[in-house]
Amino acid sequence: MEELEVKNNQILKNIWFQPSKTLRYMLMHKSKYNAGLLMLLGAIAYSFYKAVDKNVGDESSLYNILFIRSLIGTVVGVISFYIFSALLSVTGKWIGGKAEDNDFRFVLSWSFIPAIVGLFLLLLSLFIFGNDIFSSEIETDETWYEWLYSAFLVVYFVLNFWSLVIFIKGIKIIQNFSTLKSIVNLLMPAIAFIIIIVLLFALFNLFNTFS
């Protein structure tokens, strides 16, 4: 802990290589760290990540993607993260967790650091790849282009995956969970939603049976 305090001005570096220790330190001094900007940038990063993952460029122009993902995606993303954090808190308590939604928002915001770096890398790569970044197929068969494009995608998805890893480590800390239990907590909102849908479907069928 003292070592991290000495490196307090290197938090952005420490979060990459010492995420657990760094998050513990920051949670003890939470008032010093405003995560609002990170939440906003994280929402933009996640919106563009989904655009790449879903190949939205197959049906939309680059300008539409940039506009929609930068504005609408950001607003929806921030609201979704607030809801998601609340659901993680509620469902986490079902399996013995005690963290509140603001704790989840805090570690979620700081876990976005690699994804935010990926976002800036993505924006820079637009000058090379253009709409190909968001498409399922590229428009050239140049070998160097294909290799560079593949290398970018690998780096980009690894950065976003590392954000997920940091978030899971954050859940472990605020919930005092094991890694497996933290992953379960992360999946609990989706599991709860599926259970609710199944129950509603069963009730609907039961109602039709006796009606």
N, C-alpha and C. Protein backbone atom coordinates (compact mmCIF):
# COMPACT_ATOMS: atom_id res chain seq x y z
N MET A 1 0.82 -1.20 0.00
CA MET A 1 0.00 0.00 0.00
C MET A 1 0.86 1.26 0.00
N GLU A 2 1.94 1.24 0.82
CA GLU A 2 2.82 2.38 0.86
C GLU A 2 3.51 2.58 -0.48
N GLU A 3 3.84 1.46 -1.12
CA GLU A 3 4.50 1.54 -2.43
C GLU A 3 3.61 2.24 -3.43
N LEU A 4 2.30 1.92 -3.39
CA LEU A 4 1.37 2.57 -4.31
C LEU A 4 1.22 4.04 -4.00
N GLU A 5 1.28 4.38 -2.71
CA GLU A 5 1.13 5.78 -2.33
C GLU A 5 2.29 6.61 -2.86
N VAL A 6 3.48 6.01 -2.88
CA VAL A 6 4.64 6.70 -3.44
C VAL A 6 4.43 6.93 -4.93
N LYS A 7 3.76 5.99 -5.59
CA LYS A 7 3.52 6.08 -7.03
C LYS A 7 2.12 6.64 -7.33
N ASN A 8 1.64 7.45 -6.43
CA ASN A 8 0.28 7.97 -6.57
C ASN A 8 0.08 8.75 -7.86
N ASN A 9 1.16 9.36 -8.37
CA ASN A 9 1.04 10.12 -9.62
C ASN A 9 1.14 9.22 -10.84
N GLN A 10 1.22 7.89 -10.62
CA GLN A 10 1.30 6.95 -11.74
C GLN A 10 0.12 5.98 -11.73
N ILE A 11 -1.00 6.43 -11.21
CA ILE A 11 -2.18 5.57 -11.11
C ILE A 11 -2.56 4.99 -12.47
N LEU A 12 -2.51 5.81 -13.52
CA LEU A 12 -2.91 5.35 -14.84
C LEU A 12 -2.00 4.24 -15.35
N LYS A 13 -0.76 4.22 -14.91
CA LYS A 13 0.17 3.14 -15.27
C LYS A 13 -0.07 1.92 -14.38
N ASN A 14 -0.24 2.17 -13.09
CA ASN A 14 -0.41 1.07 -12.14
C ASN A 14 -1.66 0.25 -12.39
N ILE A 15 -2.72 0.90 -12.88
CA ILE A 15 -3.98 0.19 -13.09
C ILE A 15 -3.84 -0.91 -14.14
N TRP A 16 -2.85 -0.78 -15.03
CA TRP A 16 -2.61 -1.79 -16.06
C TRP A 16 -1.92 -3.03 -15.49
N PHE A 17 -0.89 -2.80 -14.68
CA PHE A 17 -0.01 -3.89 -14.27
C PHE A 17 -0.21 -4.34 -12.82
N GLN A 18 -0.84 -3.50 -12.01
CA GLN A 18 -1.16 -3.85 -10.63
C GLN A 18 -2.61 -3.46 -10.33
N PRO A 19 -3.54 -4.00 -11.11
CA PRO A 19 -4.93 -3.54 -10.97
C PRO A 19 -5.53 -3.76 -9.59
N SER A 20 -5.28 -4.92 -8.99
CA SER A 20 -5.87 -5.21 -7.68
C SER A 20 -5.35 -4.26 -6.61
N LYS A 21 -4.03 -4.12 -6.53
CA LYS A 21 -3.43 -3.23 -5.53
C LYS A 21 -3.84 -1.78 -5.77
N THR A 22 -3.88 -1.41 -7.03
CA THR A 22 -4.23 -0.03 -7.37
C THR A 22 -5.67 0.28 -7.01
N LEU A 23 -6.58 -0.62 -7.33
CA LEU A 23 -7.98 -0.40 -7.01
C LEU A 23 -8.21 -0.37 -5.49
N ARG A 24 -7.51 -1.21 -4.76
CA ARG A 24 -7.63 -1.19 -3.30
C ARG A 24 -7.21 0.17 -2.75
N TYR A 25 -6.11 0.66 -3.26
CA TYR A 25 -5.61 1.96 -2.81
C TYR A 25 -6.60 3.07 -3.14
N MET A 26 -7.12 3.06 -4.36
CA MET A 26 -8.04 4.11 -4.78
C MET A 26 -9.36 4.04 -4.02
N LEU A 27 -9.82 2.84 -3.71
CA LEU A 27 -11.06 2.70 -2.96
C LEU A 27 -10.92 3.26 -1.54
N MET A 28 -9.70 3.20 -1.02
CA MET A 28 -9.45 3.78 0.30
C MET A 28 -9.40 5.30 0.25
N HIS A 29 -9.12 5.85 -0.93
CA HIS A 29 -9.02 7.31 -1.10
C HIS A 29 -9.96 7.77 -2.21
N LYS A 30 -11.16 7.20 -2.21
CA LYS A 30 -12.09 7.40 -3.32
C LYS A 30 -12.39 8.87 -3.58
N SER A 31 -12.42 9.70 -2.54
CA SER A 31 -12.78 11.10 -2.71
C SER A 31 -11.78 11.85 -3.57
N LYS A 32 -10.55 11.29 -3.72
CA LYS A 32 -9.53 11.96 -4.52
C LYS A 32 -9.68 11.70 -6.01
N TYR A 33 -10.49 10.73 -6.36
CA TYR A 33 -10.52 10.29 -7.75
C TYR A 33 -11.92 10.42 -8.32
N ASN A 34 -12.08 11.38 -9.22
CA ASN A 34 -13.37 11.59 -9.88
C ASN A 34 -13.44 10.68 -11.10
N ALA A 35 -14.33 9.70 -11.05
CA ALA A 35 -14.42 8.71 -12.12
C ALA A 35 -15.44 9.09 -13.19
N GLY A 36 -16.05 10.27 -13.05
CA GLY A 36 -17.09 10.68 -14.00
C GLY A 36 -16.62 10.74 -15.43
N LEU A 37 -15.45 11.34 -15.66
CA LEU A 37 -14.92 11.45 -17.03
C LEU A 37 -14.62 10.08 -17.60
N LEU A 38 -14.08 9.19 -16.76
CA LEU A 38 -13.78 7.85 -17.22
C LEU A 38 -15.05 7.10 -17.60
N MET A 39 -16.12 7.32 -16.83
CA MET A 39 -17.40 6.69 -17.14
C MET A 39 -17.90 7.16 -18.51
N LEU A 40 -17.77 8.46 -18.76
CA LEU A 40 -18.21 9.03 -20.04
C LEU A 40 -17.39 8.47 -21.20
N LEU A 41 -16.07 8.49 -21.06
CA LEU A 41 -15.20 7.96 -22.12
C LEU A 41 -15.40 6.46 -22.28
N GLY A 42 -15.65 5.78 -21.16
CA GLY A 42 -15.91 4.35 -21.21
C GLY A 42 -17.17 4.02 -21.98
N ALA A 43 -18.19 4.87 -21.82
CA ALA A 43 -19.44 4.67 -22.55
C ALA A 43 -19.20 4.82 -24.05
N ILE A 44 -18.40 5.81 -24.43
CA ILE A 44 -18.07 6.00 -25.85
C ILE A 44 -17.27 4.81 -26.37
N ALA A 45 -16.29 4.37 -25.57
CA ALA A 45 -15.44 3.25 -25.97
C ALA A 45 -16.28 1.98 -26.15
N TYR A 46 -17.19 1.73 -25.23
CA TYR A 46 -18.03 0.53 -25.32
C TYR A 46 -18.96 0.61 -26.52
N SER A 47 -19.48 1.80 -26.80
CA SER A 47 -20.38 1.97 -27.94
C SER A 47 -19.66 1.65 -29.25
N PHE A 48 -18.43 2.13 -29.39
CA PHE A 48 -17.66 1.84 -30.60
C PHE A 48 -17.20 0.39 -30.65
N TYR A 49 -16.92 -0.18 -29.48
CA TYR A 49 -16.54 -1.59 -29.43
C TYR A 49 -17.68 -2.46 -29.97
N LYS A 50 -18.90 -2.16 -29.57
CA LYS A 50 -20.06 -2.91 -30.06
C LYS A 50 -20.23 -2.70 -31.56
N ALA A 51 -19.92 -1.50 -32.04
CA ALA A 51 -20.03 -1.21 -33.47
C ALA A 51 -19.05 -2.08 -34.27
N VAL A 52 -17.83 -2.24 -33.74
CA VAL A 52 -16.83 -3.08 -34.40
C VAL A 52 -17.25 -4.54 -34.32
N ASP A 53 -17.68 -4.96 -33.14
CA ASP A 53 -18.04 -6.36 -32.90
C ASP A 53 -19.23 -6.80 -33.76
N LYS A 54 -20.19 -5.88 -33.98
CA LYS A 54 -21.41 -6.22 -34.71
C LYS A 54 -21.33 -5.88 -36.20
N ASN A 55 -20.17 -5.37 -36.64
CA ASN A 55 -19.98 -5.03 -38.06
C ASN A 55 -21.08 -4.11 -38.58
N VAL A 56 -21.35 -3.04 -37.85
CA VAL A 56 -22.44 -2.14 -38.25
C VAL A 56 -22.12 -1.39 -39.54
N GLY A 57 -20.84 -1.40 -39.93
CA GLY A 57 -20.46 -0.74 -41.17
C GLY A 57 -21.01 -1.42 -42.40
N ASP A 58 -21.50 -2.65 -42.26
CA ASP A 58 -22.11 -3.34 -43.40
C ASP A 58 -23.40 -2.67 -43.84
N GLU A 59 -24.03 -1.93 -42.91
CA GLU A 59 -25.33 -1.32 -43.22
C GLU A 59 -25.36 0.18 -43.01
N SER A 60 -24.31 0.75 -42.42
CA SER A 60 -24.30 2.18 -42.12
C SER A 60 -23.04 2.83 -42.66
N SER A 61 -23.14 4.12 -42.97
CA SER A 61 -21.97 4.86 -43.43
C SER A 61 -21.09 5.22 -42.24
N LEU A 62 -19.85 5.57 -42.53
CA LEU A 62 -18.91 5.92 -41.47
C LEU A 62 -19.39 7.13 -40.69
N TYR A 63 -19.94 8.12 -41.39
CA TYR A 63 -20.40 9.33 -40.72
C TYR A 63 -21.57 9.05 -39.79
N ASN A 64 -22.47 8.19 -40.20
CA ASN A 64 -23.60 7.83 -39.34
C ASN A 64 -23.12 7.09 -38.09
N ILE A 65 -22.15 6.22 -38.29
CA ILE A 65 -21.62 5.45 -37.16
C ILE A 65 -20.97 6.39 -36.15
N LEU A 66 -20.13 7.29 -36.65
CA LEU A 66 -19.44 8.22 -35.75
C LEU A 66 -20.42 9.10 -35.01
N PHE A 67 -21.45 9.58 -35.69
CA PHE A 67 -22.43 10.46 -35.06
C PHE A 67 -23.26 9.71 -34.03
N ILE A 68 -23.82 8.58 -34.44
CA ILE A 68 -24.71 7.82 -33.55
C ILE A 68 -23.96 7.30 -32.34
N ARG A 69 -22.77 6.72 -32.57
CA ARG A 69 -22.01 6.12 -31.47
C ARG A 69 -21.46 7.19 -30.53
N SER A 70 -21.11 8.35 -31.05
CA SER A 70 -20.54 9.40 -30.21
C SER A 70 -21.59 10.09 -29.34
N LEU A 71 -22.79 10.24 -29.86
CA LEU A 71 -23.83 10.97 -29.13
C LEU A 71 -24.82 10.03 -28.46
N ILE A 72 -25.64 9.38 -29.28
CA ILE A 72 -26.68 8.52 -28.73
C ILE A 72 -26.08 7.36 -27.93
N GLY A 73 -25.05 6.75 -28.48
CA GLY A 73 -24.42 5.63 -27.80
C GLY A 73 -23.85 6.01 -26.45
N THR A 74 -23.32 7.22 -26.36
CA THR A 74 -22.74 7.68 -25.10
C THR A 74 -23.81 7.84 -24.03
N VAL A 75 -24.90 8.51 -24.38
CA VAL A 75 -25.99 8.72 -23.42
C VAL A 75 -26.58 7.39 -22.96
N VAL A 76 -26.88 6.53 -23.92
CA VAL A 76 -27.43 5.21 -23.58
C VAL A 76 -26.44 4.41 -22.75
N GLY A 77 -25.15 4.53 -23.09
CA GLY A 77 -24.12 3.79 -22.38
C GLY A 77 -24.02 4.19 -20.92
N VAL A 78 -23.99 5.48 -20.65
CA VAL A 78 -23.89 5.96 -19.27
C VAL A 78 -25.10 5.51 -18.45
N ILE A 79 -26.29 5.66 -19.02
CA ILE A 79 -27.51 5.24 -18.32
C ILE A 79 -27.46 3.73 -18.06
N SER A 80 -27.01 2.98 -19.06
CA SER A 80 -26.93 1.52 -18.92
C SER A 80 -25.95 1.12 -17.83
N PHE A 81 -24.84 1.84 -17.73
CA PHE A 81 -23.85 1.50 -16.71
C PHE A 81 -24.39 1.76 -15.30
N TYR A 82 -25.17 2.82 -15.15
CA TYR A 82 -25.79 3.10 -13.85
C TYR A 82 -26.77 1.98 -13.48
N ILE A 83 -27.56 1.57 -14.45
CA ILE A 83 -28.52 0.49 -14.21
C ILE A 83 -27.79 -0.81 -13.94
N PHE A 84 -26.77 -1.07 -14.74
CA PHE A 84 -25.99 -2.30 -14.60
C PHE A 84 -25.32 -2.39 -13.22
N SER A 85 -24.76 -1.26 -12.77
CA SER A 85 -24.11 -1.22 -11.46
C SER A 85 -25.11 -1.51 -10.35
N ALA A 86 -26.31 -0.94 -10.48
CA ALA A 86 -27.35 -1.19 -9.47
C ALA A 86 -27.76 -2.66 -9.46
N LEU A 87 -27.88 -3.24 -10.65
CA LEU A 87 -28.25 -4.66 -10.74
C LEU A 87 -27.16 -5.56 -10.18
N LEU A 88 -25.90 -5.20 -10.44
CA LEU A 88 -24.79 -5.98 -9.89
C LEU A 88 -24.80 -5.95 -8.36
N SER A 89 -25.13 -4.79 -7.81
CA SER A 89 -25.19 -4.66 -6.36
C SER A 89 -26.31 -5.51 -5.78
N VAL A 90 -27.49 -5.43 -6.39
CA VAL A 90 -28.65 -6.18 -5.90
C VAL A 90 -28.43 -7.68 -6.03
N THR A 91 -28.05 -8.11 -7.22
CA THR A 91 -27.88 -9.55 -7.44
C THR A 91 -26.66 -10.09 -6.70
N GLY A 92 -25.66 -9.25 -6.50
CA GLY A 92 -24.48 -9.67 -5.77
C GLY A 92 -24.80 -9.99 -4.31
N LYS A 93 -25.76 -9.27 -3.77
CA LYS A 93 -26.17 -9.52 -2.38
C LYS A 93 -26.88 -10.86 -2.25
N TRP A 94 -27.41 -11.38 -3.34
CA TRP A 94 -28.05 -12.70 -3.30
C TRP A 94 -27.03 -13.80 -3.03
N ILE A 95 -25.77 -13.52 -3.38
CA ILE A 95 -24.74 -14.55 -3.18
C ILE A 95 -23.70 -14.11 -2.14
N GLY A 96 -24.11 -13.19 -1.27
CA GLY A 96 -23.27 -12.82 -0.13
C GLY A 96 -22.46 -11.56 -0.27
N GLY A 97 -22.65 -10.81 -1.35
CA GLY A 97 -21.91 -9.57 -1.54
C GLY A 97 -22.49 -8.43 -0.73
N LYS A 98 -21.68 -7.39 -0.51
CA LYS A 98 -22.13 -6.24 0.28
C LYS A 98 -21.88 -4.90 -0.42
N ALA A 99 -21.26 -4.93 -1.60
CA ALA A 99 -20.91 -3.69 -2.29
C ALA A 99 -22.16 -2.97 -2.79
N GLU A 100 -22.12 -1.64 -2.74
CA GLU A 100 -23.21 -0.81 -3.23
C GLU A 100 -22.96 -0.44 -4.69
N ASP A 101 -23.98 0.11 -5.33
CA ASP A 101 -23.86 0.42 -6.75
C ASP A 101 -22.77 1.45 -7.05
N ASN A 102 -22.53 2.40 -6.12
CA ASN A 102 -21.47 3.38 -6.36
C ASN A 102 -20.09 2.73 -6.35
N ASP A 103 -19.93 1.64 -5.57
CA ASP A 103 -18.66 0.90 -5.59
C ASP A 103 -18.44 0.25 -6.95
N PHE A 104 -19.51 -0.33 -7.49
CA PHE A 104 -19.40 -0.96 -8.81
C PHE A 104 -19.10 0.09 -9.88
N ARG A 105 -19.76 1.25 -9.79
CA ARG A 105 -19.51 2.30 -10.78
C ARG A 105 -18.06 2.76 -10.73
N PHE A 106 -17.51 2.84 -9.52
CA PHE A 106 -16.14 3.31 -9.36
C PHE A 106 -15.14 2.35 -10.02
N VAL A 107 -15.23 1.06 -9.69
CA VAL A 107 -14.29 0.09 -10.28
C VAL A 107 -14.55 -0.09 -11.77
N LEU A 108 -15.82 0.03 -12.19
CA LEU A 108 -16.15 -0.07 -13.61
C LEU A 108 -15.50 1.07 -14.37
N SER A 109 -15.59 2.28 -13.84
CA SER A 109 -15.02 3.45 -14.51
C SER A 109 -13.51 3.30 -14.70
N TRP A 110 -12.82 2.85 -13.66
CA TRP A 110 -11.37 2.72 -13.75
C TRP A 110 -10.95 1.51 -14.57
N SER A 111 -11.82 0.52 -14.65
CA SER A 111 -11.49 -0.64 -15.49
C SER A 111 -11.54 -0.29 -16.98
N PHE A 112 -12.15 0.84 -17.31
CA PHE A 112 -12.27 1.26 -18.70
C PHE A 112 -10.96 1.77 -19.30
N ILE A 113 -9.93 1.97 -18.49
CA ILE A 113 -8.69 2.58 -18.99
C ILE A 113 -8.16 1.90 -20.25
N PRO A 114 -7.98 0.57 -20.28
CA PRO A 114 -7.50 -0.06 -21.52
C PRO A 114 -8.47 0.13 -22.69
N ALA A 115 -9.78 0.05 -22.42
CA ALA A 115 -10.77 0.23 -23.49
C ALA A 115 -10.73 1.64 -24.05
N ILE A 116 -10.46 2.62 -23.18
CA ILE A 116 -10.37 4.01 -23.63
C ILE A 116 -9.13 4.19 -24.53
N VAL A 117 -8.03 3.55 -24.16
CA VAL A 117 -6.84 3.56 -25.02
C VAL A 117 -7.19 2.92 -26.35
N GLY A 118 -7.97 1.83 -26.30
CA GLY A 118 -8.42 1.18 -27.53
C GLY A 118 -9.28 2.10 -28.37
N LEU A 119 -10.08 2.95 -27.71
CA LEU A 119 -10.93 3.90 -28.43
C LEU A 119 -10.09 4.89 -29.23
N PHE A 120 -9.06 5.46 -28.60
CA PHE A 120 -8.20 6.41 -29.30
C PHE A 120 -7.42 5.73 -30.42
N LEU A 121 -7.02 4.48 -30.18
CA LEU A 121 -6.37 3.70 -31.24
C LEU A 121 -7.32 3.48 -32.40
N LEU A 122 -8.58 3.21 -32.08
CA LEU A 122 -9.60 3.02 -33.12
C LEU A 122 -9.79 4.28 -33.94
N LEU A 123 -9.89 5.43 -33.28
CA LEU A 123 -10.10 6.68 -34.00
C LEU A 123 -8.92 7.01 -34.90
N LEU A 124 -7.71 6.72 -34.43
CA LEU A 124 -6.53 6.95 -35.26
C LEU A 124 -6.50 6.00 -36.47
N SER A 125 -6.96 4.77 -36.25
CA SER A 125 -6.93 3.77 -37.32
C SER A 125 -7.93 4.08 -38.42
N LEU A 126 -8.90 4.94 -38.14
CA LEU A 126 -9.89 5.31 -39.16
C LEU A 126 -9.23 5.98 -40.37
N PHE A 127 -8.10 6.65 -40.14
CA PHE A 127 -7.39 7.30 -41.23
C PHE A 127 -6.77 6.27 -42.18
N ILE A 128 -6.55 5.06 -41.67
CA ILE A 128 -5.97 4.00 -42.50
C ILE A 128 -7.05 3.10 -43.09
N PHE A 129 -7.98 2.66 -42.23
CA PHE A 129 -8.94 1.63 -42.63
C PHE A 129 -10.32 2.18 -42.98
N GLY A 130 -10.64 3.39 -42.54
CA GLY A 130 -11.95 3.94 -42.83
C GLY A 130 -13.08 3.06 -42.32
N ASN A 131 -14.10 2.88 -43.13
CA ASN A 131 -15.28 2.11 -42.72
C ASN A 131 -15.00 0.61 -42.61
N ASP A 132 -13.84 0.17 -43.11
CA ASP A 132 -13.49 -1.25 -43.00
C ASP A 132 -13.45 -1.71 -41.54
N ILE A 133 -13.12 -0.77 -40.64
CA ILE A 133 -13.05 -1.09 -39.21
C ILE A 133 -14.37 -1.66 -38.71
N PHE A 134 -15.46 -1.16 -39.26
CA PHE A 134 -16.79 -1.55 -38.79
C PHE A 134 -17.47 -2.56 -39.71
N SER A 135 -16.73 -3.09 -40.68
CA SER A 135 -17.32 -3.98 -41.66
C SER A 135 -16.82 -5.42 -41.50
N SER A 136 -17.61 -6.35 -42.00
CA SER A 136 -17.24 -7.77 -41.90
C SER A 136 -16.22 -8.15 -42.97
N GLU A 137 -16.10 -7.35 -44.03
CA GLU A 137 -15.15 -7.62 -45.10
C GLU A 137 -14.41 -6.34 -45.46
N ILE A 138 -13.12 -6.46 -45.78
CA ILE A 138 -12.34 -5.30 -46.19
C ILE A 138 -12.37 -5.18 -47.70
N GLU A 139 -12.13 -3.97 -48.20
CA GLU A 139 -12.33 -3.70 -49.62
C GLU A 139 -11.05 -3.80 -50.44
N THR A 140 -10.02 -4.40 -49.90
CA THR A 140 -8.78 -4.57 -50.65
C THR A 140 -8.15 -5.91 -50.33
N ASP A 141 -7.36 -6.43 -51.25
CA ASP A 141 -6.68 -7.71 -51.01
C ASP A 141 -5.18 -7.52 -50.86
N GLU A 142 -4.75 -6.26 -50.59
CA GLU A 142 -3.34 -5.99 -50.36
C GLU A 142 -2.89 -6.72 -49.10
N THR A 143 -1.80 -7.48 -49.21
CA THR A 143 -1.32 -8.30 -48.09
C THR A 143 -0.97 -7.45 -46.87
N TRP A 144 -0.22 -6.35 -47.10
CA TRP A 144 0.19 -5.51 -45.98
C TRP A 144 -1.02 -4.94 -45.26
N TYR A 145 -2.05 -4.59 -46.03
CA TYR A 145 -3.27 -4.02 -45.46
C TYR A 145 -3.99 -5.05 -44.59
N GLU A 146 -4.08 -6.27 -45.09
CA GLU A 146 -4.75 -7.33 -44.36
C GLU A 146 -4.03 -7.65 -43.05
N TRP A 147 -2.69 -7.70 -43.11
CA TRP A 147 -1.91 -7.98 -41.90
C TRP A 147 -2.06 -6.85 -40.87
N LEU A 148 -1.99 -5.63 -41.35
CA LEU A 148 -2.12 -4.48 -40.45
C LEU A 148 -3.51 -4.42 -39.84
N TYR A 149 -4.51 -4.71 -40.66
CA TYR A 149 -5.90 -4.72 -40.19
C TYR A 149 -6.10 -5.81 -39.12
N SER A 150 -5.58 -6.99 -39.36
CA SER A 150 -5.69 -8.09 -38.41
C SER A 150 -4.97 -7.77 -37.11
N ALA A 151 -3.78 -7.17 -37.23
CA ALA A 151 -3.00 -6.80 -36.04
C ALA A 151 -3.75 -5.78 -35.21
N PHE A 152 -4.37 -4.82 -35.88
CA PHE A 152 -5.15 -3.82 -35.15
C PHE A 152 -6.30 -4.47 -34.38
N LEU A 153 -7.04 -5.36 -35.04
CA LEU A 153 -8.18 -5.99 -34.39
C LEU A 153 -7.75 -6.80 -33.17
N VAL A 154 -6.62 -7.50 -33.29
CA VAL A 154 -6.12 -8.29 -32.16
C VAL A 154 -5.81 -7.38 -30.97
N VAL A 155 -5.07 -6.31 -31.23
CA VAL A 155 -4.71 -5.36 -30.17
C VAL A 155 -5.97 -4.72 -29.58
N TYR A 156 -6.89 -4.35 -30.45
CA TYR A 156 -8.11 -3.67 -30.00
C TYR A 156 -8.95 -4.55 -29.09
N PHE A 157 -9.15 -5.80 -29.49
CA PHE A 157 -9.97 -6.70 -28.67
C PHE A 157 -9.24 -7.13 -27.39
N VAL A 158 -7.92 -7.23 -27.44
CA VAL A 158 -7.16 -7.54 -26.23
C VAL A 158 -7.29 -6.41 -25.21
N LEU A 159 -7.24 -5.17 -25.67
CA LEU A 159 -7.40 -4.03 -24.77
C LEU A 159 -8.77 -4.05 -24.10
N ASN A 160 -9.80 -4.34 -24.86
CA ASN A 160 -11.15 -4.40 -24.29
C ASN A 160 -11.30 -5.60 -23.36
N PHE A 161 -10.64 -6.70 -23.69
CA PHE A 161 -10.68 -7.87 -22.80
C PHE A 161 -9.98 -7.56 -21.48
N TRP A 162 -8.87 -6.81 -21.55
CA TRP A 162 -8.15 -6.47 -20.32
C TRP A 162 -8.99 -5.57 -19.41
N SER A 163 -9.82 -4.74 -20.01
CA SER A 163 -10.75 -3.93 -19.21
C SER A 163 -11.71 -4.85 -18.44
N LEU A 164 -12.17 -5.90 -19.09
CA LEU A 164 -13.05 -6.86 -18.43
C LEU A 164 -12.33 -7.55 -17.27
N VAL A 165 -11.08 -7.91 -17.49
CA VAL A 165 -10.29 -8.57 -16.45
C VAL A 165 -10.13 -7.65 -15.24
N ILE A 166 -9.83 -6.38 -15.48
CA ILE A 166 -9.68 -5.41 -14.39
C ILE A 166 -10.99 -5.26 -13.63
N PHE A 167 -12.11 -5.24 -14.35
CA PHE A 167 -13.40 -5.10 -13.69
C PHE A 167 -13.69 -6.29 -12.79
N ILE A 168 -13.37 -7.47 -13.28
CA ILE A 168 -13.58 -8.68 -12.45
C ILE A 168 -12.71 -8.61 -11.20
N LYS A 169 -11.47 -8.13 -11.35
CA LYS A 169 -10.61 -7.96 -10.18
C LYS A 169 -11.20 -6.94 -9.23
N GLY A 170 -11.83 -5.92 -9.79
CA GLY A 170 -12.48 -4.91 -8.95
C GLY A 170 -13.65 -5.48 -8.17
N ILE A 171 -14.43 -6.34 -8.82
CA ILE A 171 -15.55 -7.00 -8.14
C ILE A 171 -15.03 -7.86 -7.00
N LYS A 172 -13.94 -8.55 -7.23
CA LYS A 172 -13.34 -9.38 -6.17
C LYS A 172 -13.03 -8.55 -4.93
N ILE A 173 -12.53 -7.35 -5.15
CA ILE A 173 -12.12 -6.49 -4.04
C ILE A 173 -13.33 -5.94 -3.28
N ILE A 174 -14.28 -5.35 -4.00
CA ILE A 174 -15.40 -4.70 -3.32
C ILE A 174 -16.38 -5.71 -2.73
N GLN A 175 -16.41 -6.91 -3.28
CA GLN A 175 -17.32 -7.94 -2.77
C GLN A 175 -16.62 -8.97 -1.87
N ASN A 176 -15.29 -8.93 -1.88
CA ASN A 176 -14.50 -9.93 -1.16
C ASN A 176 -14.86 -11.33 -1.65
N PHE A 177 -14.91 -11.47 -2.98
CA PHE A 177 -15.27 -12.72 -3.63
C PHE A 177 -14.03 -13.39 -4.21
N SER A 178 -14.18 -14.67 -4.55
CA SER A 178 -13.19 -15.36 -5.35
C SER A 178 -13.37 -14.94 -6.81
N THR A 179 -12.43 -15.33 -7.67
CA THR A 179 -12.55 -14.99 -9.09
C THR A 179 -13.81 -15.59 -9.69
N LEU A 180 -14.07 -16.86 -9.39
CA LEU A 180 -15.24 -17.53 -9.94
C LEU A 180 -16.52 -16.86 -9.47
N LYS A 181 -16.59 -16.54 -8.19
CA LYS A 181 -17.79 -15.91 -7.66
C LYS A 181 -17.98 -14.50 -8.23
N SER A 182 -16.86 -13.82 -8.51
CA SER A 182 -16.93 -12.50 -9.13
C SER A 182 -17.50 -12.58 -10.54
N ILE A 183 -17.10 -13.62 -11.27
CA ILE A 183 -17.62 -13.81 -12.62
C ILE A 183 -19.12 -14.12 -12.56
N VAL A 184 -19.51 -14.93 -11.57
CA VAL A 184 -20.92 -15.22 -11.39
C VAL A 184 -21.70 -13.94 -11.10
N ASN A 185 -21.14 -13.09 -10.22
CA ASN A 185 -21.78 -11.80 -9.91
C ASN A 185 -21.93 -10.96 -11.18
N LEU A 186 -20.88 -10.98 -12.03
CA LEU A 186 -20.92 -10.22 -13.27
C LEU A 186 -22.04 -10.71 -14.19
N LEU A 187 -22.30 -12.02 -14.15
CA LEU A 187 -23.32 -12.61 -15.02
C LEU A 187 -24.71 -12.62 -14.40
N MET A 188 -24.80 -12.34 -13.09
CA MET A 188 -26.07 -12.44 -12.38
C MET A 188 -27.21 -11.61 -12.99
N PRO A 189 -26.96 -10.33 -13.39
CA PRO A 189 -28.06 -9.57 -14.00
C PRO A 189 -28.65 -10.26 -15.23
N ALA A 190 -27.77 -10.80 -16.08
CA ALA A 190 -28.24 -11.51 -17.27
C ALA A 190 -28.98 -12.78 -16.88
N ILE A 191 -28.44 -13.51 -15.90
CA ILE A 191 -29.09 -14.74 -15.44
C ILE A 191 -30.46 -14.43 -14.86
N ALA A 192 -30.52 -13.38 -14.04
CA ALA A 192 -31.80 -12.98 -13.43
C ALA A 192 -32.81 -12.60 -14.50
N PHE A 193 -32.35 -11.89 -15.53
CA PHE A 193 -33.24 -11.48 -16.62
C PHE A 193 -33.79 -12.70 -17.35
N ILE A 194 -32.93 -13.67 -17.62
CA ILE A 194 -33.35 -14.90 -18.31
C ILE A 194 -34.38 -15.65 -17.46
N ILE A 195 -34.12 -15.74 -16.15
CA ILE A 195 -35.05 -16.44 -15.26
C ILE A 195 -36.41 -15.76 -15.25
N ILE A 196 -36.40 -14.43 -15.22
CA ILE A 196 -37.67 -13.68 -15.23
C ILE A 196 -38.44 -13.94 -16.52
N ILE A 197 -37.72 -13.93 -17.66
CA ILE A 197 -38.37 -14.17 -18.95
C ILE A 197 -38.96 -15.58 -18.99
N VAL A 198 -38.20 -16.57 -18.49
CA VAL A 198 -38.68 -17.96 -18.47
C VAL A 198 -39.92 -18.09 -17.59
N LEU A 199 -39.90 -17.44 -16.42
CA LEU A 199 -41.04 -17.49 -15.51
C LEU A 199 -42.27 -16.83 -16.12
N LEU A 200 -42.06 -15.70 -16.77
CA LEU A 200 -43.18 -15.01 -17.42
C LEU A 200 -43.76 -15.85 -18.54
N PHE A 201 -42.87 -16.50 -19.31
CA PHE A 201 -43.32 -17.36 -20.39
C PHE A 201 -44.10 -18.55 -19.85
N ALA A 202 -43.61 -19.12 -18.73
CA ALA A 202 -44.30 -20.26 -18.10
C ALA A 202 -45.68 -19.84 -17.57
N LEU A 203 -45.73 -18.65 -16.96
CA LEU A 203 -47.01 -18.15 -16.44
C LEU A 203 -47.99 -17.87 -17.57
N PHE A 204 -47.47 -17.35 -18.67
CA PHE A 204 -48.31 -17.07 -19.83
C PHE A 204 -48.91 -18.36 -20.38
N ASN A 205 -48.07 -19.40 -20.48
CA ASN A 205 -48.56 -20.69 -20.97
C ASN A 205 -49.56 -21.31 -19.99
N LEU A 206 -49.30 -21.13 -18.70
CA LEU A 206 -50.22 -21.66 -17.69
C LEU A 206 -51.56 -20.95 -17.75
N PHE A 207 -51.49 -19.65 -17.97
CA PHE A 207 -52.73 -18.86 -18.09
C PHE A 207 -53.53 -19.31 -19.31
N ASN A 208 -52.85 -19.55 -20.43
CA ASN A 208 -53.53 -20.00 -21.65
C ASN A 208 -54.14 -21.40 -21.46
N THR A 209 -53.48 -22.22 -20.66
CA THR A 209 -53.96 -23.58 -20.43
C THR A 209 -55.29 -23.59 -19.70
N PHE A 210 -55.45 -22.69 -18.74
CA PHE A 210 -56.66 -22.67 -17.90
C PHE A 210 -57.67 -21.63 -18.35
N SER A 211 -57.36 -20.94 -19.42
CA SER A 211 -58.31 -19.91 -19.89
C SER A 211 -59.26 -20.51 -20.94
